Amino acid sequence: PLMDGTAKYLSVFVSPVEVALGRFFCQAAIVAVLAGFMGRSPGSLMK
């Protein structure tokens, strides 16, 4: 619900679709960064 509360706040300023897009983009970016620290390449994730 903390994520949902953040989304509710952001939906005042941008569209809900853009809020959802931002959520998924940031999620993928965070995973890519963590994977790099764990020694996994972007290619292994894409597989």
ModelCIF file with pLDDT and N, C-alpha, C, O atoms, coordinates in Angstrom:
data_MODEL
#
_entry.id   MODEL 
#
_entity.id                         1 
_entity.type                       polymer 
_entity.pdbx_number_of_molecules   1 
#
_entity_poly.entity_id                      1 
_entity_poly.type                           'polypeptide(L)' 
_entity_poly.nstd_linkage                   no 
_entity_poly.nstd_monomer                   no 
_entity_poly.pdbx_seq_one_letter_code       PLMDGTAKYLSVFVSPVEVALGRFFCQAAIVAVLAGFMGRSPGSLMK 
_entity_poly.pdbx_seq_one_letter_code_can   PLMDGTAKYLSVFVSPVEVALGRFFCQAAIVAVLAGFMGRSPGSLMK 
_entity_poly.pdbx_strand_id                 A 
#
loop_
_entity_poly_seq.entity_id 
_entity_poly_seq.num 
_entity_poly_seq.mon_id 
_entity_poly_seq.hetero 
1 1  PRO n 
1 2  LEU n 
1 3  MET n 
1 4  ASP n 
1 5  GLY n 
1 6  THR n 
1 7  ALA n 
1 8  LYS n 
1 9  TYR n 
1 10 LEU n 
1 11 SER n 
1 12 VAL n 
1 13 PHE n 
1 14 VAL n 
1 15 SER n 
1 16 PRO n 
1 17 VAL n 
1 18 GLU n 
1 19 VAL n 
1 20 ALA n 
1 21 LEU n 
1 22 GLY n 
1 23 ARG n 
1 24 PHE n 
1 25 PHE n 
1 26 CYS n 
1 27 GLN n 
1 28 ALA n 
1 29 ALA n 
1 30 ILE n 
1 31 VAL n 
1 32 ALA n 
1 33 VAL n 
1 34 LEU n 
1 35 ALA n 
1 36 GLY n 
1 37 PHE n 
1 38 MET n 
1 39 GLY n 
1 40 ARG n 
1 41 SER n 
1 42 PRO n 
1 43 GLY n 
1 44 SER n 
1 45 LEU n 
1 46 MET n 
1 47 LYS n 
#
_struct_asym.id          A 
_struct_asym.entity_id   1 
#
loop_
_ma_qa_metric.id 
_ma_qa_metric.mode 
_ma_qa_metric.name 
_ma_qa_metric.software_group_id 
_ma_qa_metric.type 
1 global pLDDT . pLDDT 
2 local  pLDDT . pLDDT 
#
_ma_qa_metric_global.metric_id      1 
_ma_qa_metric_global.metric_value   90.60 
_ma_qa_metric_global.model_id       1 
_ma_qa_metric_global.ordinal_id     1 
#
loop_
_ma_qa_metric_local.label_asym_id 
_ma_qa_metric_local.label_comp_id 
_ma_qa_metric_local.label_seq_id 
_ma_qa_metric_local.metric_id 
_ma_qa_metric_local.metric_value 
_ma_qa_metric_local.model_id 
_ma_qa_metric_local.ordinal_id 
A PRO 1  2 91.00 1 1  
A LEU 2  2 93.00 1 2  
A MET 3  2 93.00 1 3  
A ASP 4  2 92.00 1 4  
A GLY 5  2 93.00 1 5  
A THR 6  2 94.00 1 6  
A ALA 7  2 93.00 1 7  
A LYS 8  2 93.00 1 8  
A TYR 9  2 93.00 1 9  
A LEU 10 2 94.00 1 10 
A SER 11 2 91.00 1 11 
A VAL 12 2 90.00 1 12 
A PHE 13 2 92.00 1 13 
A VAL 14 2 93.00 1 14 
A SER 15 2 93.00 1 15 
A PRO 16 2 93.00 1 16 
A VAL 17 2 94.00 1 17 
A GLU 18 2 94.00 1 18 
A VAL 19 2 95.00 1 19 
A ALA 20 2 94.00 1 20 
A LEU 21 2 95.00 1 21 
A GLY 22 2 94.00 1 22 
A ARG 23 2 93.00 1 23 
A PHE 24 2 93.00 1 24 
A PHE 25 2 94.00 1 25 
A CYS 26 2 93.00 1 26 
A GLN 27 2 90.00 1 27 
A ALA 28 2 91.00 1 28 
A ALA 29 2 92.00 1 29 
A ILE 30 2 92.00 1 30 
A VAL 31 2 90.00 1 31 
A ALA 32 2 90.00 1 32 
A VAL 33 2 91.00 1 33 
A LEU 34 2 90.00 1 34 
A ALA 35 2 90.00 1 35 
A GLY 36 2 88.00 1 36 
A PHE 37 2 89.00 1 37 
A MET 38 2 88.00 1 38 
A GLY 39 2 86.00 1 39 
A ARG 40 2 87.00 1 40 
A SER 41 2 83.00 1 41 
A PRO 42 2 80.00 1 42 
A GLY 43 2 83.00 1 43 
A SER 44 2 85.00 1 44 
A LEU 45 2 85.00 1 45 
A MET 46 2 85.00 1 46 
A LYS 47 2 83.00 1 47 
#
loop_
_atom_site.group_PDB 
_atom_site.id 
_atom_site.type_symbol 
_atom_site.label_atom_id 
_atom_site.label_alt_id 
_atom_site.label_comp_id 
_atom_site.label_asym_id 
_atom_site.label_entity_id 
_atom_site.label_seq_id 
_atom_site.pdbx_PDB_ins_code 
_atom_site.Cartn_x 
_atom_site.Cartn_y 
_atom_site.Cartn_z 
_atom_site.occupancy 
_atom_site.B_iso_or_equiv 
_atom_site.pdbx_formal_charge 
_atom_site.auth_seq_id 
_atom_site.auth_comp_id 
_atom_site.auth_asym_id 
_atom_site.auth_atom_id 
_atom_site.pdbx_PDB_model_num 
ATOM 1   N N  . PRO A 1 1  ? 0.800  -1.231  0.000   1.00 91.00 ? 1  PRO A N  1 
ATOM 2   C CA . PRO A 1 1  ? 0.000  0.000   0.000   1.00 91.00 ? 1  PRO A CA 1 
ATOM 3   C C  . PRO A 1 1  ? 0.831  1.278   0.000   1.00 91.00 ? 1  PRO A C  1 
ATOM 4   O O  . PRO A 1 1  ? 0.335  2.335   -0.392  1.00 91.00 ? 1  PRO A O  1 
ATOM 5   N N  . LEU A 1 2  ? 2.093  1.196   0.436   1.00 93.00 ? 2  LEU A N  1 
ATOM 6   C CA . LEU A 1 2  ? 2.955  2.376   0.354   1.00 93.00 ? 2  LEU A CA 1 
ATOM 7   C C  . LEU A 1 2  ? 3.183  2.758   -1.109  1.00 93.00 ? 2  LEU A C  1 
ATOM 8   O O  . LEU A 1 2  ? 3.211  3.941   -1.449  1.00 93.00 ? 2  LEU A O  1 
ATOM 9   N N  . MET A 1 3  ? 3.347  1.743   -1.979  1.00 93.00 ? 3  MET A N  1 
ATOM 10  C CA . MET A 1 3  ? 3.460  2.007   -3.406  1.00 93.00 ? 3  MET A CA 1 
ATOM 11  C C  . MET A 1 3  ? 2.156  2.594   -3.934  1.00 93.00 ? 3  MET A C  1 
ATOM 12  O O  . MET A 1 3  ? 2.168  3.545   -4.715  1.00 93.00 ? 3  MET A O  1 
ATOM 13  N N  . ASP A 1 4  ? 1.028  2.021   -3.503  1.00 92.00 ? 4  ASP A N  1 
ATOM 14  C CA . ASP A 1 4  ? -0.274 2.502   -3.962  1.00 92.00 ? 4  ASP A CA 1 
ATOM 15  C C  . ASP A 1 4  ? -0.521 3.932   -3.494  1.00 92.00 ? 4  ASP A C  1 
ATOM 16  O O  . ASP A 1 4  ? -1.076 4.748   -4.231  1.00 92.00 ? 4  ASP A O  1 
ATOM 17  N N  . GLY A 1 5  ? -0.104 4.230   -2.260  1.00 93.00 ? 5  GLY A N  1 
ATOM 18  C CA . GLY A 1 5  ? -0.261 5.593   -1.757  1.00 93.00 ? 5  GLY A CA 1 
ATOM 19  C C  . GLY A 1 5  ? 0.571  6.582   -2.557  1.00 93.00 ? 5  GLY A C  1 
ATOM 20  O O  . GLY A 1 5  ? 0.117  7.690   -2.844  1.00 93.00 ? 5  GLY A O  1 
ATOM 21  N N  . THR A 1 6  ? 1.789  6.188   -2.918  1.00 94.00 ? 6  THR A N  1 
ATOM 22  C CA . THR A 1 6  ? 2.643  7.036   -3.757  1.00 94.00 ? 6  THR A CA 1 
ATOM 23  C C  . THR A 1 6  ? 2.004  7.252   -5.126  1.00 94.00 ? 6  THR A C  1 
ATOM 24  O O  . THR A 1 6  ? 2.020  8.359   -5.665  1.00 94.00 ? 6  THR A O  1 
ATOM 25  N N  . ALA A 1 7  ? 1.437  6.167   -5.684  1.00 93.00 ? 7  ALA A N  1 
ATOM 26  C CA . ALA A 1 7  ? 0.776  6.265   -6.982  1.00 93.00 ? 7  ALA A CA 1 
ATOM 27  C C  . ALA A 1 7  ? -0.433 7.193   -6.907  1.00 93.00 ? 7  ALA A C  1 
ATOM 28  O O  . ALA A 1 7  ? -0.679 7.975   -7.825  1.00 93.00 ? 7  ALA A O  1 
ATOM 29  N N  . LYS A 1 8  ? -1.182 7.103   -5.815  1.00 93.00 ? 8  LYS A N  1 
ATOM 30  C CA . LYS A 1 8  ? -2.358 7.972   -5.640  1.00 93.00 ? 8  LYS A CA 1 
ATOM 31  C C  . LYS A 1 8  ? -1.933 9.438   -5.615  1.00 93.00 ? 8  LYS A C  1 
ATOM 32  O O  . LYS A 1 8  ? -2.585 10.289  -6.220  1.00 93.00 ? 8  LYS A O  1 
ATOM 33  N N  . TYR A 1 9  ? -0.839 9.728   -4.915  1.00 93.00 ? 9  TYR A N  1 
ATOM 34  C CA . TYR A 1 9  ? -0.339 11.109  -4.853  1.00 93.00 ? 9  TYR A CA 1 
ATOM 35  C C  . TYR A 1 9  ? 0.114  11.589  -6.232  1.00 93.00 ? 9  TYR A C  1 
ATOM 36  O O  . TYR A 1 9  ? -0.210 12.705  -6.639  1.00 93.00 ? 9  TYR A O  1 
ATOM 37  N N  . LEU A 1 10 ? 0.865  10.746  -6.954  1.00 94.00 ? 10 LEU A N  1 
ATOM 38  C CA . LEU A 1 10 ? 1.384  11.143  -8.271  1.00 94.00 ? 10 LEU A CA 1 
ATOM 39  C C  . LEU A 1 10 ? 0.264  11.323  -9.296  1.00 94.00 ? 10 LEU A C  1 
ATOM 40  O O  . LEU A 1 10 ? 0.397  12.119  -10.225 1.00 94.00 ? 10 LEU A O  1 
ATOM 41  N N  . SER A 1 11 ? -0.842 10.584  -9.130  1.00 91.00 ? 11 SER A N  1 
ATOM 42  C CA . SER A 1 11 ? -1.936 10.669  -10.110 1.00 91.00 ? 11 SER A CA 1 
ATOM 43  C C  . SER A 1 11 ? -2.613 12.032  -10.110 1.00 91.00 ? 11 SER A C  1 
ATOM 44  O O  . SER A 1 11 ? -3.397 12.338  -11.009 1.00 91.00 ? 11 SER A O  1 
ATOM 45  N N  . VAL A 1 12 ? -2.313 12.857  -9.102  1.00 90.00 ? 12 VAL A N  1 
ATOM 46  C CA . VAL A 1 12 ? -2.827 14.231  -9.094  1.00 90.00 ? 12 VAL A CA 1 
ATOM 47  C C  . VAL A 1 12 ? -2.103 15.070  -10.146 1.00 90.00 ? 12 VAL A C  1 
ATOM 48  O O  . VAL A 1 12 ? -2.671 16.026  -10.674 1.00 90.00 ? 12 VAL A O  1 
ATOM 49  N N  . PHE A 1 13 ? -0.860 14.720  -10.450 1.00 92.00 ? 13 PHE A N  1 
ATOM 50  C CA . PHE A 1 13 ? -0.019 15.533  -11.323 1.00 92.00 ? 13 PHE A CA 1 
ATOM 51  C C  . PHE A 1 13 ? 0.152  14.939  -12.720 1.00 92.00 ? 13 PHE A C  1 
ATOM 52  O O  . PHE A 1 13 ? 0.303  15.687  -13.686 1.00 92.00 ? 13 PHE A O  1 
ATOM 53  N N  . VAL A 1 14 ? 0.131  13.608  -12.849 1.00 93.00 ? 14 VAL A N  1 
ATOM 54  C CA . VAL A 1 14 ? 0.270  12.958  -14.152 1.00 93.00 ? 14 VAL A CA 1 
ATOM 55  C C  . VAL A 1 14 ? -0.832 11.901  -14.281 1.00 93.00 ? 14 VAL A C  1 
ATOM 56  O O  . VAL A 1 14 ? -1.494 11.562  -13.300 1.00 93.00 ? 14 VAL A O  1 
ATOM 57  N N  . SER A 1 15 ? -1.018 11.387  -15.494 1.00 93.00 ? 15 SER A N  1 
ATOM 58  C CA . SER A 1 15 ? -2.093 10.422  -15.716 1.00 93.00 ? 15 SER A CA 1 
ATOM 59  C C  . SER A 1 15 ? -1.779 9.086   -15.035 1.00 93.00 ? 15 SER A C  1 
ATOM 60  O O  . SER A 1 15 ? -0.610 8.753   -14.841 1.00 93.00 ? 15 SER A O  1 
ATOM 61  N N  . PRO A 1 16 ? -2.818 8.315   -14.667 1.00 93.00 ? 16 PRO A N  1 
ATOM 62  C CA . PRO A 1 16 ? -2.599 7.000   -14.074 1.00 93.00 ? 16 PRO A CA 1 
ATOM 63  C C  . PRO A 1 16 ? -1.784 6.066   -14.969 1.00 93.00 ? 16 PRO A C  1 
ATOM 64  O O  . PRO A 1 16 ? -1.022 5.236   -14.473 1.00 93.00 ? 16 PRO A O  1 
ATOM 65  N N  . VAL A 1 17 ? -1.946 6.202   -16.295 1.00 94.00 ? 17 VAL A N  1 
ATOM 66  C CA . VAL A 1 17 ? -1.180 5.368   -17.219 1.00 94.00 ? 17 VAL A CA 1 
ATOM 67  C C  . VAL A 1 17 ? 0.301  5.711   -17.121 1.00 94.00 ? 17 VAL A C  1 
ATOM 68  O O  . VAL A 1 17 ? 1.148  4.818   -17.139 1.00 94.00 ? 17 VAL A O  1 
ATOM 69  N N  . GLU A 1 18 ? 0.616  6.991   -17.017 1.00 94.00 ? 18 GLU A N  1 
ATOM 70  C CA . GLU A 1 18 ? 2.008  7.410   -16.876 1.00 94.00 ? 18 GLU A CA 1 
ATOM 71  C C  . GLU A 1 18 ? 2.578  6.969   -15.533 1.00 94.00 ? 18 GLU A C  1 
ATOM 72  O O  . GLU A 1 18 ? 3.753  6.612   -15.442 1.00 94.00 ? 18 GLU A O  1 
ATOM 73  N N  . VAL A 1 19 ? 1.751  6.991   -14.493 1.00 95.00 ? 19 VAL A N  1 
ATOM 74  C CA . VAL A 1 19 ? 2.192  6.513   -13.182 1.00 95.00 ? 19 VAL A CA 1 
ATOM 75  C C  . VAL A 1 19 ? 2.560  5.033   -13.273 1.00 95.00 ? 19 VAL A C  1 
ATOM 76  O O  . VAL A 1 19 ? 3.597  4.606   -12.766 1.00 95.00 ? 19 VAL A O  1 
ATOM 77  N N  . ALA A 1 20 ? 1.690  4.255   -13.929 1.00 94.00 ? 20 ALA A N  1 
ATOM 78  C CA . ALA A 1 20 ? 1.962  2.823   -14.081 1.00 94.00 ? 20 ALA A CA 1 
ATOM 79  C C  . ALA A 1 20 ? 3.220  2.591   -14.913 1.00 94.00 ? 20 ALA A C  1 
ATOM 80  O O  . ALA A 1 20 ? 4.032  1.724   -14.589 1.00 94.00 ? 20 ALA A O  1 
ATOM 81  N N  . LEU A 1 21 ? 3.381  3.376   -15.998 1.00 95.00 ? 21 LEU A N  1 
ATOM 82  C CA . LEU A 1 21 ? 4.579  3.255   -16.838 1.00 95.00 ? 21 LEU A CA 1 
ATOM 83  C C  . LEU A 1 21 ? 5.830  3.544   -16.028 1.00 95.00 ? 21 LEU A C  1 
ATOM 84  O O  . LEU A 1 21 ? 6.824  2.827   -16.143 1.00 95.00 ? 21 LEU A O  1 
ATOM 85  N N  . GLY A 1 22 ? 5.790  4.586   -15.210 1.00 94.00 ? 22 GLY A N  1 
ATOM 86  C CA . GLY A 1 22 ? 6.932  4.915   -14.373 1.00 94.00 ? 22 GLY A CA 1 
ATOM 87  C C  . GLY A 1 22 ? 7.253  3.811   -13.393 1.00 94.00 ? 22 GLY A C  1 
ATOM 88  O O  . GLY A 1 22 ? 8.421  3.527   -13.130 1.00 94.00 ? 22 GLY A O  1 
ATOM 89  N N  . ARG A 1 23 ? 6.218  3.183   -12.849 1.00 93.00 ? 23 ARG A N  1 
ATOM 90  C CA . ARG A 1 23 ? 6.421  2.084   -11.899 1.00 93.00 ? 23 ARG A CA 1 
ATOM 91  C C  . ARG A 1 23 ? 7.175  0.933   -12.552 1.00 93.00 ? 23 ARG A C  1 
ATOM 92  O O  . ARG A 1 23 ? 8.146  0.427   -11.990 1.00 93.00 ? 23 ARG A O  1 
ATOM 93  N N  . PHE A 1 24 ? 6.727  0.513   -13.745 1.00 93.00 ? 24 PHE A N  1 
ATOM 94  C CA . PHE A 1 24 ? 7.354  -0.629  -14.413 1.00 93.00 ? 24 PHE A CA 1 
ATOM 95  C C  . PHE A 1 24 ? 8.749  -0.292  -14.931 1.00 93.00 ? 24 PHE A C  1 
ATOM 96  O O  . PHE A 1 24 ? 9.651  -1.128  -14.880 1.00 93.00 ? 24 PHE A O  1 
ATOM 97  N N  . PHE A 1 25 ? 8.928  0.939   -15.432 1.00 94.00 ? 25 PHE A N  1 
ATOM 98  C CA . PHE A 1 25 ? 10.254 1.335   -15.917 1.00 94.00 ? 25 PHE A CA 1 
ATOM 99  C C  . PHE A 1 25 ? 11.271 1.332   -14.774 1.00 94.00 ? 25 PHE A C  1 
ATOM 100 O O  . PHE A 1 25 ? 12.373 0.801   -14.910 1.00 94.00 ? 25 PHE A O  1 
ATOM 101 N N  . CYS A 1 26 ? 10.884 1.933   -13.649 1.00 93.00 ? 26 CYS A N  1 
ATOM 102 C CA . CYS A 1 26 ? 11.794 1.986   -12.503 1.00 93.00 ? 26 CYS A CA 1 
ATOM 103 C C  . CYS A 1 26 ? 12.064 0.592   -11.951 1.00 93.00 ? 26 CYS A C  1 
ATOM 104 O O  . CYS A 1 26 ? 13.177 0.297   -11.517 1.00 93.00 ? 26 CYS A O  1 
ATOM 105 N N  . GLN A 1 27 ? 11.053 -0.259  -11.968 1.00 90.00 ? 27 GLN A N  1 
ATOM 106 C CA . GLN A 1 27 ? 11.241 -1.624  -11.481 1.00 90.00 ? 27 GLN A CA 1 
ATOM 107 C C  . GLN A 1 27 ? 12.272 -2.356  -12.335 1.00 90.00 ? 27 GLN A C  1 
ATOM 108 O O  . GLN A 1 27 ? 13.168 -3.009  -11.801 1.00 90.00 ? 27 GLN A O  1 
ATOM 109 N N  . ALA A 1 28 ? 12.147 -2.248  -13.674 1.00 91.00 ? 28 ALA A N  1 
ATOM 110 C CA . ALA A 1 28 ? 13.093 -2.908  -14.570 1.00 91.00 ? 28 ALA A CA 1 
ATOM 111 C C  . ALA A 1 28 ? 14.498 -2.334  -14.386 1.00 91.00 ? 28 ALA A C  1 
ATOM 112 O O  . ALA A 1 28 ? 15.479 -3.077  -14.404 1.00 91.00 ? 28 ALA A O  1 
ATOM 113 N N  . ALA A 1 29 ? 14.596 -1.011  -14.209 1.00 92.00 ? 29 ALA A N  1 
ATOM 114 C CA . ALA A 1 29 ? 15.904 -0.374  -14.033 1.00 92.00 ? 29 ALA A CA 1 
ATOM 115 C C  . ALA A 1 29 ? 16.568 -0.825  -12.741 1.00 92.00 ? 29 ALA A C  1 
ATOM 116 O O  . ALA A 1 29 ? 17.769 -1.091  -12.715 1.00 92.00 ? 29 ALA A O  1 
ATOM 117 N N  . ILE A 1 30 ? 15.789 -0.910  -11.671 1.00 92.00 ? 30 ILE A N  1 
ATOM 118 C CA . ILE A 1 30 ? 16.329 -1.344  -10.377 1.00 92.00 ? 30 ILE A CA 1 
ATOM 119 C C  . ILE A 1 30 ? 16.842 -2.775  -10.461 1.00 92.00 ? 30 ILE A C  1 
ATOM 120 O O  . ILE A 1 30 ? 17.904 -3.092  -9.925  1.00 92.00 ? 30 ILE A O  1 
ATOM 121 N N  . VAL A 1 31 ? 16.081 -3.641  -11.138 1.00 90.00 ? 31 VAL A N  1 
ATOM 122 C CA . VAL A 1 31 ? 16.501 -5.036  -11.290 1.00 90.00 ? 31 VAL A CA 1 
ATOM 123 C C  . VAL A 1 31 ? 17.798 -5.113  -12.086 1.00 90.00 ? 31 VAL A C  1 
ATOM 124 O O  . VAL A 1 31 ? 18.699 -5.876  -11.738 1.00 90.00 ? 31 VAL A O  1 
ATOM 125 N N  . ALA A 1 32 ? 17.894 -4.318  -13.165 1.00 90.00 ? 32 ALA A N  1 
ATOM 126 C CA . ALA A 1 32 ? 19.099 -4.333  -13.996 1.00 90.00 ? 32 ALA A CA 1 
ATOM 127 C C  . ALA A 1 32 ? 20.328 -3.912  -13.187 1.00 90.00 ? 32 ALA A C  1 
ATOM 128 O O  . ALA A 1 32 ? 21.403 -4.494  -13.329 1.00 90.00 ? 32 ALA A O  1 
ATOM 129 N N  . VAL A 1 33 ? 20.158 -2.897  -12.338 1.00 91.00 ? 33 VAL A N  1 
ATOM 130 C CA . VAL A 1 33 ? 21.280 -2.434  -11.505 1.00 91.00 ? 33 VAL A CA 1 
ATOM 131 C C  . VAL A 1 33 ? 21.668 -3.512  -10.492 1.00 91.00 ? 33 VAL A C  1 
ATOM 132 O O  . VAL A 1 33 ? 22.851 -3.811  -10.327 1.00 91.00 ? 33 VAL A O  1 
ATOM 133 N N  . LEU A 1 34 ? 20.682 -4.093  -9.817  1.00 90.00 ? 34 LEU A N  1 
ATOM 134 C CA . LEU A 1 34 ? 20.963 -5.149  -8.842  1.00 90.00 ? 34 LEU A CA 1 
ATOM 135 C C  . LEU A 1 34 ? 21.619 -6.357  -9.498  1.00 90.00 ? 34 LEU A C  1 
ATOM 136 O O  . LEU A 1 34 ? 22.529 -6.965  -8.935  1.00 90.00 ? 34 LEU A O  1 
ATOM 137 N N  . ALA A 1 35 ? 21.147 -6.698  -10.692 1.00 90.00 ? 35 ALA A N  1 
ATOM 138 C CA . ALA A 1 35 ? 21.723 -7.835  -11.406 1.00 90.00 ? 35 ALA A CA 1 
ATOM 139 C C  . ALA A 1 35 ? 23.199 -7.591  -11.711 1.00 90.00 ? 35 ALA A C  1 
ATOM 140 O O  . ALA A 1 35 ? 24.017 -8.508  -11.643 1.00 90.00 ? 35 ALA A O  1 
ATOM 141 N N  . GLY A 1 36 ? 23.533 -6.333  -12.050 1.00 88.00 ? 36 GLY A N  1 
ATOM 142 C CA . GLY A 1 36 ? 24.925 -6.003  -12.314 1.00 88.00 ? 36 GLY A CA 1 
ATOM 143 C C  . GLY A 1 36 ? 25.800 -6.202  -11.091 1.00 88.00 ? 36 GLY A C  1 
ATOM 144 O O  . GLY A 1 36 ? 26.911 -6.721  -11.195 1.00 88.00 ? 36 GLY A O  1 
ATOM 145 N N  . PHE A 1 37 ? 25.300 -5.789  -9.922  1.00 89.00 ? 37 PHE A N  1 
ATOM 146 C CA . PHE A 1 37 ? 26.044 -5.979  -8.681  1.00 89.00 ? 37 PHE A CA 1 
ATOM 147 C C  . PHE A 1 37 ? 26.180 -7.458  -8.330  1.00 89.00 ? 37 PHE A C  1 
ATOM 148 O O  . PHE A 1 37 ? 27.132 -7.856  -7.658  1.00 89.00 ? 37 PHE A O  1 
ATOM 149 N N  . MET A 1 38 ? 25.220 -8.277  -8.789  1.00 88.00 ? 38 MET A N  1 
ATOM 150 C CA . MET A 1 38 ? 25.250 -9.709  -8.484  1.00 88.00 ? 38 MET A CA 1 
ATOM 151 C C  . MET A 1 38 ? 25.962 -10.515 -9.563  1.00 88.00 ? 38 MET A C  1 
ATOM 152 O O  . MET A 1 38 ? 25.967 -11.746 -9.527  1.00 88.00 ? 38 MET A O  1 
ATOM 153 N N  . GLY A 1 39 ? 26.572 -9.806  -10.538 1.00 86.00 ? 39 GLY A N  1 
ATOM 154 C CA . GLY A 1 39 ? 27.360 -10.481 -11.557 1.00 86.00 ? 39 GLY A CA 1 
ATOM 155 C C  . GLY A 1 39 ? 26.563 -11.052 -12.712 1.00 86.00 ? 39 GLY A C  1 
ATOM 156 O O  . GLY A 1 39 ? 27.070 -11.874 -13.477 1.00 86.00 ? 39 GLY A O  1 
ATOM 157 N N  . ARG A 1 40 ? 25.305 -10.617 -12.843 1.00 87.00 ? 40 ARG A N  1 
ATOM 158 C CA . ARG A 1 40 ? 24.490 -11.094 -13.961 1.00 87.00 ? 40 ARG A CA 1 
ATOM 159 C C  . ARG A 1 40 ? 24.465 -10.054 -15.070 1.00 87.00 ? 40 ARG A C  1 
ATOM 160 O O  . ARG A 1 40 ? 24.338 -8.857  -14.811 1.00 87.00 ? 40 ARG A O  1 
ATOM 161 N N  . SER A 1 41 ? 24.587 -10.523 -16.306 1.00 83.00 ? 41 SER A N  1 
ATOM 162 C CA . SER A 1 41 ? 24.592 -9.626  -17.451 1.00 83.00 ? 41 SER A CA 1 
ATOM 163 C C  . SER A 1 41 ? 23.159 -9.324  -17.895 1.00 83.00 ? 41 SER A C  1 
ATOM 164 O O  . SER A 1 41 ? 22.247 -10.099 -17.607 1.00 83.00 ? 41 SER A O  1 
ATOM 165 N N  . PRO A 1 42 ? 22.955 -8.204  -18.596 1.00 80.00 ? 42 PRO A N  1 
ATOM 166 C CA . PRO A 1 42 ? 21.619 -7.908  -19.141 1.00 80.00 ? 42 PRO A CA 1 
ATOM 167 C C  . PRO A 1 42 ? 21.115 -9.020  -20.058 1.00 80.00 ? 42 PRO A C  1 
ATOM 168 O O  . PRO A 1 42 ? 19.917 -9.296  -20.124 1.00 80.00 ? 42 PRO A O  1 
ATOM 169 N N  . GLY A 1 43 ? 22.060 -9.654  -20.765 1.00 83.00 ? 43 GLY A N  1 
ATOM 170 C CA . GLY A 1 43 ? 21.663 -10.734 -21.668 1.00 83.00 ? 43 GLY A CA 1 
ATOM 171 C C  . GLY A 1 43 ? 21.050 -11.914 -20.941 1.00 83.00 ? 43 GLY A C  1 
ATOM 172 O O  . GLY A 1 43 ? 20.107 -12.530 -21.437 1.00 83.00 ? 43 GLY A O  1 
ATOM 173 N N  . SER A 1 44 ? 21.584 -12.239 -19.756 1.00 85.00 ? 44 SER A N  1 
ATOM 174 C CA . SER A 1 44 ? 21.049 -13.368 -18.999 1.00 85.00 ? 44 SER A CA 1 
ATOM 175 C C  . SER A 1 44 ? 19.634 -13.075 -18.515 1.00 85.00 ? 44 SER A C  1 
ATOM 176 O O  . SER A 1 44 ? 18.809 -13.984 -18.417 1.00 85.00 ? 44 SER A O  1 
ATOM 177 N N  . LEU A 1 45 ? 19.350 -11.802 -18.211 1.00 85.00 ? 45 LEU A N  1 
ATOM 178 C CA . LEU A 1 45 ? 17.996 -11.417 -17.815 1.00 85.00 ? 45 LEU A CA 1 
ATOM 179 C C  . LEU A 1 45 ? 17.041 -11.500 -19.010 1.00 85.00 ? 45 LEU A C  1 
ATOM 180 O O  . LEU A 1 45 ? 15.913 -11.978 -18.889 1.00 85.00 ? 45 LEU A O  1 
ATOM 181 N N  . MET A 1 46 ? 17.519 -11.023 -20.169 1.00 85.00 ? 46 MET A N  1 
ATOM 182 C CA . MET A 1 46 ? 16.670 -11.024 -21.362 1.00 85.00 ? 46 MET A CA 1 
ATOM 183 C C  . MET A 1 46 ? 16.312 -12.440 -21.794 1.00 85.00 ? 46 MET A C  1 
ATOM 184 O O  . MET A 1 46 ? 15.251 -12.665 -22.377 1.00 85.00 ? 46 MET A O  1 
ATOM 185 N N  . LYS A 1 47 ? 17.207 -13.410 -21.504 1.00 83.00 ? 47 LYS A N  1 
ATOM 186 C CA . LYS A 1 47 ? 16.918 -14.794 -21.880 1.00 83.00 ? 47 LYS A CA 1 
ATOM 187 C C  . LYS A 1 47 ? 15.699 -15.345 -21.138 1.00 83.00 ? 47 LYS A C  1 
ATOM 188 O O  . LYS A 1 47 ? 15.322 -16.499 -21.342 1.00 83.00 ? 47 LYS A O  1 
#
